[in-house]
Amino acid sequence: MTKVIAQKQGEPDELDLAVVRTKIEMYCSRAEQCPSSVRRKLWEWGVPKADIETLVEGLVADGFLDEQRFALAFVHDRLKFGKCGRNKIRFELRQKQISEQAASRAIATIDQQQYMDVLQAVADSKKRQLKGLSPDQQRRRLTGYLLSKGFEMECITKVI
């Protein structure tokens, strides 16, 4: 079995791949992870590239990693807690190297009414901060802010 050099302080100098596998399974069990973050974590631990791919394939086969499941959880969390629009969520999924198909399927699960409620809440919150400006300035700044949060222009015009 291949030995891996540990990079973290306080850990033994060499780790067995079986030990690494157990640690990465625990890492994946705590929260949904995407394959790219697991690869990065294994690389940080000093696991050779060939072993990283073997471990990731094993994690996918055993159900510890699932790109679609991660995308669904990510979309839900970014909408509910991050108050982000579809465009920003899609961009962030692309940054995490999630396939376009998985991202599209996950984004398609967003309930339109819930999406518009989030957009309205974000717009109302920002509008309170923009009091004192002229209505035209408020509209321009609010539109720019909502676009930067990843909401689509058609939805923004409905809310404003």
N, C-alpha and C. Protein backbone atom coordinates (compact mmCIF):
# COMPACT_ATOMS: atom_id res chain seq x y z
N MET A 1 0.84 -1.18 0.00
CA MET A 1 0.00 0.00 0.00
C MET A 1 0.89 1.24 0.00
N THR A 2 0.46 2.24 -0.71
CA THR A 2 1.22 3.47 -0.85
C THR A 2 1.22 4.25 0.46
N LYS A 3 2.35 4.84 0.77
CA LYS A 3 2.45 5.70 1.95
C LYS A 3 2.35 7.16 1.50
N VAL A 4 1.74 7.97 2.31
CA VAL A 4 1.54 9.37 2.00
C VAL A 4 2.22 10.19 3.08
N ILE A 5 2.93 11.24 2.66
CA ILE A 5 3.57 12.14 3.63
C ILE A 5 2.52 13.14 4.12
N ALA A 6 2.38 13.25 5.41
CA ALA A 6 1.42 14.20 6.00
C ALA A 6 2.02 15.59 6.00
N GLN A 7 1.19 16.59 5.70
CA GLN A 7 1.64 17.97 5.65
C GLN A 7 1.28 18.74 6.91
N LYS A 8 0.32 18.25 7.66
CA LYS A 8 -0.15 18.99 8.83
C LYS A 8 0.72 18.71 10.05
N GLN A 9 0.85 19.73 10.85
CA GLN A 9 1.64 19.60 12.06
C GLN A 9 0.89 18.76 13.08
N GLY A 10 1.59 17.94 13.80
CA GLY A 10 0.97 17.14 14.85
C GLY A 10 0.47 15.79 14.36
N GLU A 11 0.59 15.52 13.04
CA GLU A 11 0.17 14.22 12.51
C GLU A 11 1.42 13.38 12.27
N PRO A 12 1.28 12.07 12.20
CA PRO A 12 2.44 11.23 11.93
C PRO A 12 3.06 11.59 10.59
N ASP A 13 4.34 11.24 10.41
CA ASP A 13 5.05 11.59 9.19
C ASP A 13 4.47 10.90 7.96
N GLU A 14 4.00 9.67 8.11
CA GLU A 14 3.46 8.95 6.98
C GLU A 14 2.06 8.43 7.32
N LEU A 15 1.19 8.50 6.34
CA LEU A 15 -0.16 7.99 6.51
C LEU A 15 -0.41 6.90 5.49
N ASP A 16 -1.09 5.87 5.93
CA ASP A 16 -1.52 4.81 5.04
C ASP A 16 -2.68 5.32 4.20
N LEU A 17 -2.82 4.85 2.98
CA LEU A 17 -3.96 5.27 2.17
C LEU A 17 -5.28 4.85 2.81
N ALA A 18 -5.29 3.77 3.55
CA ALA A 18 -6.51 3.34 4.23
C ALA A 18 -6.90 4.37 5.30
N VAL A 19 -5.91 4.93 5.98
CA VAL A 19 -6.18 5.95 6.99
C VAL A 19 -6.66 7.23 6.30
N VAL A 20 -6.04 7.58 5.18
CA VAL A 20 -6.45 8.76 4.43
C VAL A 20 -7.88 8.58 3.94
N ARG A 21 -8.18 7.38 3.46
CA ARG A 21 -9.53 7.08 2.97
C ARG A 21 -10.56 7.28 4.10
N THR A 22 -10.24 6.78 5.28
CA THR A 22 -11.14 6.92 6.42
C THR A 22 -11.34 8.39 6.78
N LYS A 23 -10.24 9.15 6.79
CA LYS A 23 -10.33 10.58 7.13
C LYS A 23 -11.16 11.34 6.10
N ILE A 24 -10.96 11.03 4.82
CA ILE A 24 -11.68 11.77 3.79
C ILE A 24 -13.15 11.35 3.77
N GLU A 25 -13.45 10.11 4.13
CA GLU A 25 -14.85 9.68 4.26
C GLU A 25 -15.54 10.45 5.38
N MET A 26 -14.83 10.64 6.49
CA MET A 26 -15.40 11.43 7.60
C MET A 26 -15.63 12.88 7.16
N TYR A 27 -14.68 13.42 6.41
CA TYR A 27 -14.79 14.78 5.88
C TYR A 27 -16.02 14.91 4.99
N CYS A 28 -16.26 13.93 4.15
CA CYS A 28 -17.41 13.95 3.25
C CYS A 28 -18.72 13.67 3.99
N SER A 29 -18.65 12.98 5.10
CA SER A 29 -19.85 12.65 5.86
C SER A 29 -20.38 13.83 6.66
N ARG A 30 -19.50 14.75 7.04
CA ARG A 30 -19.91 15.89 7.85
C ARG A 30 -20.79 16.86 7.08
N ALA A 31 -20.47 17.08 5.81
CA ALA A 31 -21.23 18.01 4.97
C ALA A 31 -21.03 17.62 3.52
N GLU A 32 -21.98 18.00 2.67
CA GLU A 32 -21.84 17.72 1.24
C GLU A 32 -20.57 18.39 0.73
N GLN A 33 -19.80 17.65 -0.03
CA GLN A 33 -18.57 18.18 -0.61
C GLN A 33 -18.61 17.98 -2.11
N CYS A 34 -17.92 18.86 -2.83
CA CYS A 34 -17.80 18.67 -4.27
C CYS A 34 -16.47 17.97 -4.54
N PRO A 35 -16.38 17.26 -5.66
CA PRO A 35 -15.14 16.54 -5.97
C PRO A 35 -13.90 17.43 -5.98
N SER A 36 -14.04 18.67 -6.45
CA SER A 36 -12.86 19.54 -6.51
C SER A 36 -12.35 19.89 -5.11
N SER A 37 -13.24 20.09 -4.14
CA SER A 37 -12.78 20.41 -2.78
C SER A 37 -12.14 19.19 -2.13
N VAL A 38 -12.64 17.99 -2.45
CA VAL A 38 -12.03 16.77 -1.91
C VAL A 38 -10.64 16.58 -2.51
N ARG A 39 -10.52 16.83 -3.82
CA ARG A 39 -9.19 16.74 -4.46
C ARG A 39 -8.21 17.72 -3.83
N ARG A 40 -8.69 18.95 -3.60
CA ARG A 40 -7.83 19.98 -2.99
C ARG A 40 -7.38 19.56 -1.59
N LYS A 41 -8.32 19.01 -0.81
CA LYS A 41 -8.02 18.58 0.55
C LYS A 41 -6.99 17.46 0.52
N LEU A 42 -7.17 16.48 -0.36
CA LEU A 42 -6.21 15.37 -0.47
C LEU A 42 -4.84 15.87 -0.91
N TRP A 43 -4.83 16.83 -1.82
CA TRP A 43 -3.56 17.39 -2.28
C TRP A 43 -2.85 18.11 -1.12
N GLU A 44 -3.64 18.83 -0.30
CA GLU A 44 -3.06 19.51 0.87
C GLU A 44 -2.46 18.51 1.84
N TRP A 45 -3.04 17.32 1.92
CA TRP A 45 -2.52 16.28 2.80
C TRP A 45 -1.31 15.59 2.22
N GLY A 46 -0.95 15.92 0.97
CA GLY A 46 0.24 15.34 0.36
C GLY A 46 0.00 14.02 -0.34
N VAL A 47 -1.22 13.74 -0.71
CA VAL A 47 -1.53 12.49 -1.40
C VAL A 47 -1.10 12.63 -2.86
N PRO A 48 -0.40 11.63 -3.41
CA PRO A 48 0.01 11.69 -4.83
C PRO A 48 -1.20 11.78 -5.76
N LYS A 49 -1.00 12.43 -6.92
CA LYS A 49 -2.10 12.69 -7.85
C LYS A 49 -2.82 11.42 -8.29
N ALA A 50 -2.09 10.36 -8.57
CA ALA A 50 -2.71 9.10 -9.00
C ALA A 50 -3.60 8.53 -7.89
N ASP A 51 -3.16 8.62 -6.67
CA ASP A 51 -3.94 8.12 -5.54
C ASP A 51 -5.17 9.00 -5.28
N ILE A 52 -5.04 10.31 -5.55
CA ILE A 52 -6.17 11.22 -5.37
C ILE A 52 -7.33 10.78 -6.26
N GLU A 53 -7.03 10.51 -7.52
CA GLU A 53 -8.10 10.11 -8.45
C GLU A 53 -8.71 8.77 -8.05
N THR A 54 -7.88 7.85 -7.58
CA THR A 54 -8.39 6.55 -7.13
C THR A 54 -9.32 6.74 -5.93
N LEU A 55 -8.90 7.58 -4.99
CA LEU A 55 -9.72 7.83 -3.80
C LEU A 55 -11.04 8.51 -4.17
N VAL A 56 -10.98 9.50 -5.05
CA VAL A 56 -12.20 10.21 -5.45
C VAL A 56 -13.16 9.27 -6.16
N GLU A 57 -12.65 8.44 -7.05
CA GLU A 57 -13.50 7.46 -7.75
C GLU A 57 -14.16 6.51 -6.74
N GLY A 58 -13.40 6.09 -5.75
CA GLY A 58 -13.95 5.22 -4.71
C GLY A 58 -15.03 5.90 -3.89
N LEU A 59 -14.82 7.18 -3.58
CA LEU A 59 -15.81 7.94 -2.82
C LEU A 59 -17.10 8.12 -3.62
N VAL A 60 -16.96 8.33 -4.92
CA VAL A 60 -18.15 8.45 -5.77
C VAL A 60 -18.89 7.12 -5.83
N ALA A 61 -18.12 6.04 -6.01
CA ALA A 61 -18.72 4.70 -6.11
C ALA A 61 -19.44 4.32 -4.81
N ASP A 62 -18.90 4.73 -3.67
CA ASP A 62 -19.50 4.38 -2.38
C ASP A 62 -20.56 5.37 -1.91
N GLY A 63 -20.81 6.42 -2.71
CA GLY A 63 -21.87 7.36 -2.38
C GLY A 63 -21.46 8.49 -1.44
N PHE A 64 -20.18 8.60 -1.12
CA PHE A 64 -19.74 9.71 -0.26
C PHE A 64 -19.72 11.03 -1.03
N LEU A 65 -19.47 10.94 -2.33
CA LEU A 65 -19.45 12.12 -3.20
C LEU A 65 -20.50 11.94 -4.28
N ASP A 66 -21.30 12.98 -4.49
CA ASP A 66 -22.28 12.97 -5.56
C ASP A 66 -22.42 14.41 -6.04
N GLU A 67 -22.01 14.66 -7.28
CA GLU A 67 -22.00 16.00 -7.83
C GLU A 67 -23.41 16.62 -7.84
N GLN A 68 -24.41 15.83 -8.25
CA GLN A 68 -25.77 16.34 -8.32
C GLN A 68 -26.32 16.66 -6.93
N ARG A 69 -26.06 15.78 -5.99
CA ARG A 69 -26.53 16.00 -4.61
C ARG A 69 -25.87 17.25 -4.02
N PHE A 70 -24.58 17.44 -4.31
CA PHE A 70 -23.88 18.64 -3.85
C PHE A 70 -24.50 19.88 -4.48
N ALA A 71 -24.75 19.83 -5.79
CA ALA A 71 -25.30 20.99 -6.49
C ALA A 71 -26.66 21.38 -5.91
N LEU A 72 -27.50 20.40 -5.64
CA LEU A 72 -28.82 20.68 -5.06
C LEU A 72 -28.69 21.34 -3.69
N ALA A 73 -27.82 20.81 -2.85
CA ALA A 73 -27.63 21.37 -1.51
C ALA A 73 -27.04 22.78 -1.60
N PHE A 74 -26.09 22.96 -2.51
CA PHE A 74 -25.44 24.26 -2.67
C PHE A 74 -26.44 25.32 -3.11
N VAL A 75 -27.28 24.97 -4.11
CA VAL A 75 -28.29 25.91 -4.61
C VAL A 75 -29.25 26.29 -3.49
N HIS A 76 -29.71 25.31 -2.76
CA HIS A 76 -30.64 25.57 -1.65
C HIS A 76 -30.02 26.51 -0.62
N ASP A 77 -28.79 26.22 -0.22
CA ASP A 77 -28.13 27.02 0.81
C ASP A 77 -27.81 28.43 0.35
N ARG A 78 -27.35 28.57 -0.90
CA ARG A 78 -27.00 29.91 -1.39
C ARG A 78 -28.24 30.79 -1.55
N LEU A 79 -29.37 30.18 -1.91
CA LEU A 79 -30.59 30.96 -2.03
C LEU A 79 -31.13 31.32 -0.65
N LYS A 80 -31.19 30.33 0.23
CA LYS A 80 -31.79 30.55 1.54
C LYS A 80 -30.91 31.40 2.46
N PHE A 81 -29.64 31.09 2.54
CA PHE A 81 -28.76 31.77 3.50
C PHE A 81 -27.93 32.89 2.87
N GLY A 82 -27.52 32.71 1.62
CA GLY A 82 -26.69 33.72 0.96
C GLY A 82 -27.47 34.77 0.22
N LYS A 83 -28.78 34.50 0.03
CA LYS A 83 -29.65 35.43 -0.69
C LYS A 83 -29.08 35.81 -2.06
N CYS A 84 -28.63 34.79 -2.80
CA CYS A 84 -28.04 35.00 -4.11
C CYS A 84 -29.00 34.61 -5.21
N GLY A 85 -28.85 35.24 -6.37
CA GLY A 85 -29.66 34.94 -7.53
C GLY A 85 -29.09 33.79 -8.34
N ARG A 86 -29.86 33.38 -9.34
CA ARG A 86 -29.48 32.24 -10.17
C ARG A 86 -28.13 32.44 -10.87
N ASN A 87 -27.89 33.65 -11.38
CA ASN A 87 -26.64 33.89 -12.12
C ASN A 87 -25.41 33.70 -11.23
N LYS A 88 -25.48 34.21 -10.03
CA LYS A 88 -24.34 34.09 -9.11
C LYS A 88 -24.16 32.64 -8.66
N ILE A 89 -25.27 31.95 -8.41
CA ILE A 89 -25.19 30.55 -8.00
C ILE A 89 -24.57 29.73 -9.12
N ARG A 90 -24.99 29.96 -10.37
CA ARG A 90 -24.42 29.23 -11.51
C ARG A 90 -22.92 29.49 -11.62
N PHE A 91 -22.52 30.75 -11.45
CA PHE A 91 -21.10 31.11 -11.51
C PHE A 91 -20.31 30.39 -10.42
N GLU A 92 -20.85 30.38 -9.21
CA GLU A 92 -20.15 29.73 -8.09
C GLU A 92 -20.05 28.22 -8.30
N LEU A 93 -21.08 27.61 -8.87
CA LEU A 93 -21.00 26.17 -9.19
C LEU A 93 -19.94 25.91 -10.25
N ARG A 94 -19.84 26.80 -11.22
CA ARG A 94 -18.80 26.67 -12.25
C ARG A 94 -17.41 26.77 -11.61
N GLN A 95 -17.25 27.67 -10.64
CA GLN A 95 -15.97 27.80 -9.94
C GLN A 95 -15.61 26.52 -9.19
N LYS A 96 -16.61 25.80 -8.72
CA LYS A 96 -16.39 24.56 -8.00
C LYS A 96 -16.29 23.36 -8.94
N GLN A 97 -16.23 23.64 -10.24
CA GLN A 97 -16.04 22.64 -11.28
C GLN A 97 -17.18 21.62 -11.32
N ILE A 98 -18.39 22.09 -11.07
CA ILE A 98 -19.58 21.26 -11.19
C ILE A 98 -20.03 21.32 -12.65
N SER A 99 -20.41 20.18 -13.21
CA SER A 99 -20.80 20.14 -14.62
C SER A 99 -21.99 21.05 -14.87
N GLU A 100 -22.08 21.55 -16.09
CA GLU A 100 -23.16 22.45 -16.47
C GLU A 100 -24.52 21.76 -16.35
N GLN A 101 -24.56 20.46 -16.67
CA GLN A 101 -25.82 19.72 -16.57
C GLN A 101 -26.29 19.63 -15.13
N ALA A 102 -25.39 19.29 -14.23
CA ALA A 102 -25.76 19.18 -12.81
C ALA A 102 -26.19 20.54 -12.27
N ALA A 103 -25.47 21.59 -12.67
CA ALA A 103 -25.81 22.94 -12.21
C ALA A 103 -27.18 23.35 -12.73
N SER A 104 -27.45 23.09 -14.00
CA SER A 104 -28.74 23.46 -14.58
C SER A 104 -29.90 22.72 -13.92
N ARG A 105 -29.70 21.41 -13.68
CA ARG A 105 -30.76 20.65 -13.02
C ARG A 105 -31.01 21.16 -11.61
N ALA A 106 -29.95 21.50 -10.90
CA ALA A 106 -30.11 21.99 -9.52
C ALA A 106 -30.77 23.36 -9.51
N ILE A 107 -30.38 24.24 -10.41
CA ILE A 107 -30.97 25.58 -10.46
C ILE A 107 -32.44 25.51 -10.88
N ALA A 108 -32.77 24.54 -11.70
CA ALA A 108 -34.16 24.37 -12.15
C ALA A 108 -35.08 23.98 -11.00
N THR A 109 -34.54 23.49 -9.90
CA THR A 109 -35.37 23.10 -8.76
C THR A 109 -35.80 24.28 -7.90
N ILE A 110 -35.26 25.47 -8.18
CA ILE A 110 -35.63 26.65 -7.39
C ILE A 110 -37.09 26.99 -7.64
N ASP A 111 -37.84 27.11 -6.57
CA ASP A 111 -39.25 27.49 -6.65
C ASP A 111 -39.32 28.98 -6.99
N GLN A 112 -40.05 29.32 -8.05
CA GLN A 112 -40.11 30.71 -8.54
C GLN A 112 -40.68 31.65 -7.47
N GLN A 113 -41.70 31.22 -6.75
CA GLN A 113 -42.28 32.09 -5.72
C GLN A 113 -41.28 32.35 -4.59
N GLN A 114 -40.59 31.31 -4.17
CA GLN A 114 -39.58 31.47 -3.12
C GLN A 114 -38.46 32.40 -3.62
N TYR A 115 -38.06 32.23 -4.87
CA TYR A 115 -37.02 33.06 -5.47
C TYR A 115 -37.42 34.53 -5.46
N MET A 116 -38.66 34.79 -5.87
CA MET A 116 -39.14 36.18 -5.90
C MET A 116 -39.28 36.74 -4.49
N ASP A 117 -39.65 35.91 -3.52
CA ASP A 117 -39.73 36.36 -2.13
C ASP A 117 -38.35 36.76 -1.61
N VAL A 118 -37.34 35.97 -1.94
CA VAL A 118 -35.96 36.29 -1.53
C VAL A 118 -35.53 37.59 -2.19
N LEU A 119 -35.79 37.72 -3.47
CA LEU A 119 -35.44 38.94 -4.20
C LEU A 119 -36.12 40.15 -3.58
N GLN A 120 -37.39 40.02 -3.26
CA GLN A 120 -38.13 41.13 -2.65
C GLN A 120 -37.54 41.51 -1.30
N ALA A 121 -37.19 40.51 -0.50
CA ALA A 121 -36.60 40.78 0.83
C ALA A 121 -35.26 41.48 0.70
N VAL A 122 -34.42 41.03 -0.24
CA VAL A 122 -33.11 41.66 -0.46
C VAL A 122 -33.30 43.09 -0.94
N ALA A 123 -34.25 43.29 -1.86
CA ALA A 123 -34.51 44.64 -2.40
C ALA A 123 -35.02 45.57 -1.30
N ASP A 124 -35.93 45.09 -0.48
CA ASP A 124 -36.47 45.92 0.61
C ASP A 124 -35.38 46.31 1.59
N SER A 125 -34.53 45.36 1.92
CA SER A 125 -33.43 45.63 2.85
C SER A 125 -32.48 46.69 2.30
N LYS A 126 -32.13 46.56 1.03
CA LYS A 126 -31.21 47.53 0.42
C LYS A 126 -31.88 48.88 0.25
N LYS A 127 -33.18 48.88 -0.05
CA LYS A 127 -33.91 50.13 -0.24
C LYS A 127 -33.90 50.97 1.03
N ARG A 128 -34.00 50.31 2.17
CA ARG A 128 -33.95 51.03 3.45
C ARG A 128 -32.61 51.74 3.63
N GLN A 129 -31.55 51.14 3.11
CA GLN A 129 -30.22 51.75 3.23
C GLN A 129 -30.05 52.94 2.28
N LEU A 130 -30.86 52.99 1.25
CA LEU A 130 -30.70 54.03 0.23
C LEU A 130 -31.64 55.23 0.43
N LYS A 131 -32.28 55.31 1.58
CA LYS A 131 -33.16 56.46 1.85
C LYS A 131 -32.33 57.73 1.80
N GLY A 132 -32.95 58.78 1.35
CA GLY A 132 -32.25 60.06 1.28
C GLY A 132 -31.73 60.35 -0.11
N LEU A 133 -31.67 59.33 -0.96
CA LEU A 133 -31.26 59.56 -2.35
C LEU A 133 -32.49 59.85 -3.19
N SER A 134 -32.27 60.44 -4.34
CA SER A 134 -33.39 60.69 -5.25
C SER A 134 -33.93 59.35 -5.75
N PRO A 135 -35.20 59.30 -6.14
CA PRO A 135 -35.78 58.03 -6.62
C PRO A 135 -35.00 57.42 -7.78
N ASP A 136 -34.49 58.27 -8.66
CA ASP A 136 -33.71 57.77 -9.80
C ASP A 136 -32.40 57.13 -9.33
N GLN A 137 -31.71 57.78 -8.40
CA GLN A 137 -30.47 57.22 -7.84
C GLN A 137 -30.76 55.92 -7.08
N GLN A 138 -31.84 55.92 -6.31
CA GLN A 138 -32.22 54.70 -5.59
C GLN A 138 -32.42 53.54 -6.55
N ARG A 139 -33.16 53.78 -7.62
CA ARG A 139 -33.45 52.74 -8.60
C ARG A 139 -32.16 52.22 -9.26
N ARG A 140 -31.28 53.14 -9.64
CA ARG A 140 -30.01 52.73 -10.28
C ARG A 140 -29.15 51.92 -9.33
N ARG A 141 -29.00 52.40 -8.11
CA ARG A 141 -28.15 51.68 -7.14
C ARG A 141 -28.76 50.34 -6.74
N LEU A 142 -30.06 50.32 -6.56
CA LEU A 142 -30.74 49.08 -6.20
C LEU A 142 -30.61 48.05 -7.33
N THR A 143 -30.80 48.50 -8.55
CA THR A 143 -30.65 47.61 -9.71
C THR A 143 -29.24 47.06 -9.78
N GLY A 144 -28.25 47.91 -9.62
CA GLY A 144 -26.85 47.46 -9.65
C GLY A 144 -26.55 46.47 -8.55
N TYR A 145 -27.07 46.75 -7.37
CA TYR A 145 -26.84 45.85 -6.24
C TYR A 145 -27.47 44.48 -6.49
N LEU A 146 -28.72 44.48 -6.95
CA LEU A 146 -29.41 43.21 -7.20
C LEU A 146 -28.76 42.43 -8.34
N LEU A 147 -28.26 43.13 -9.34
CA LEU A 147 -27.51 42.44 -10.41
C LEU A 147 -26.24 41.82 -9.86
N SER A 148 -25.57 42.53 -8.95
CA SER A 148 -24.34 41.98 -8.36
C SER A 148 -24.62 40.78 -7.47
N LYS A 149 -25.84 40.68 -6.95
CA LYS A 149 -26.23 39.52 -6.15
C LYS A 149 -26.64 38.34 -7.03
N GLY A 150 -26.68 38.56 -8.35
CA GLY A 150 -26.93 37.47 -9.28
C GLY A 150 -28.36 37.31 -9.74
N PHE A 151 -29.21 38.29 -9.46
CA PHE A 151 -30.60 38.20 -9.89
C PHE A 151 -30.71 38.67 -11.35
N GLU A 152 -31.69 38.14 -12.06
CA GLU A 152 -31.89 38.47 -13.46
C GLU A 152 -32.63 39.80 -13.59
N MET A 153 -32.33 40.51 -14.67
CA MET A 153 -32.91 41.83 -14.88
C MET A 153 -34.44 41.78 -14.96
N GLU A 154 -34.99 40.73 -15.60
CA GLU A 154 -36.45 40.66 -15.70
C GLU A 154 -37.10 40.56 -14.33
N CYS A 155 -36.49 39.80 -13.45
CA CYS A 155 -37.02 39.66 -12.09
C CYS A 155 -36.86 40.97 -11.31
N ILE A 156 -35.75 41.62 -11.53
CA ILE A 156 -35.48 42.89 -10.82
C ILE A 156 -36.51 43.95 -11.22
N THR A 157 -36.81 44.02 -12.51
CA THR A 157 -37.79 45.03 -12.95
C THR A 157 -39.18 44.74 -12.39
N LYS A 158 -39.52 43.47 -12.19
CA LYS A 158 -40.81 43.14 -11.58
C LYS A 158 -40.87 43.62 -10.13
N VAL A 159 -39.76 43.50 -9.42
CA VAL A 159 -39.72 43.87 -8.00
C VAL A 159 -39.63 45.37 -7.82
N ILE A 160 -38.87 46.03 -8.66
CA ILE A 160 -38.71 47.50 -8.54
C ILE A 160 -39.92 48.14 -9.14
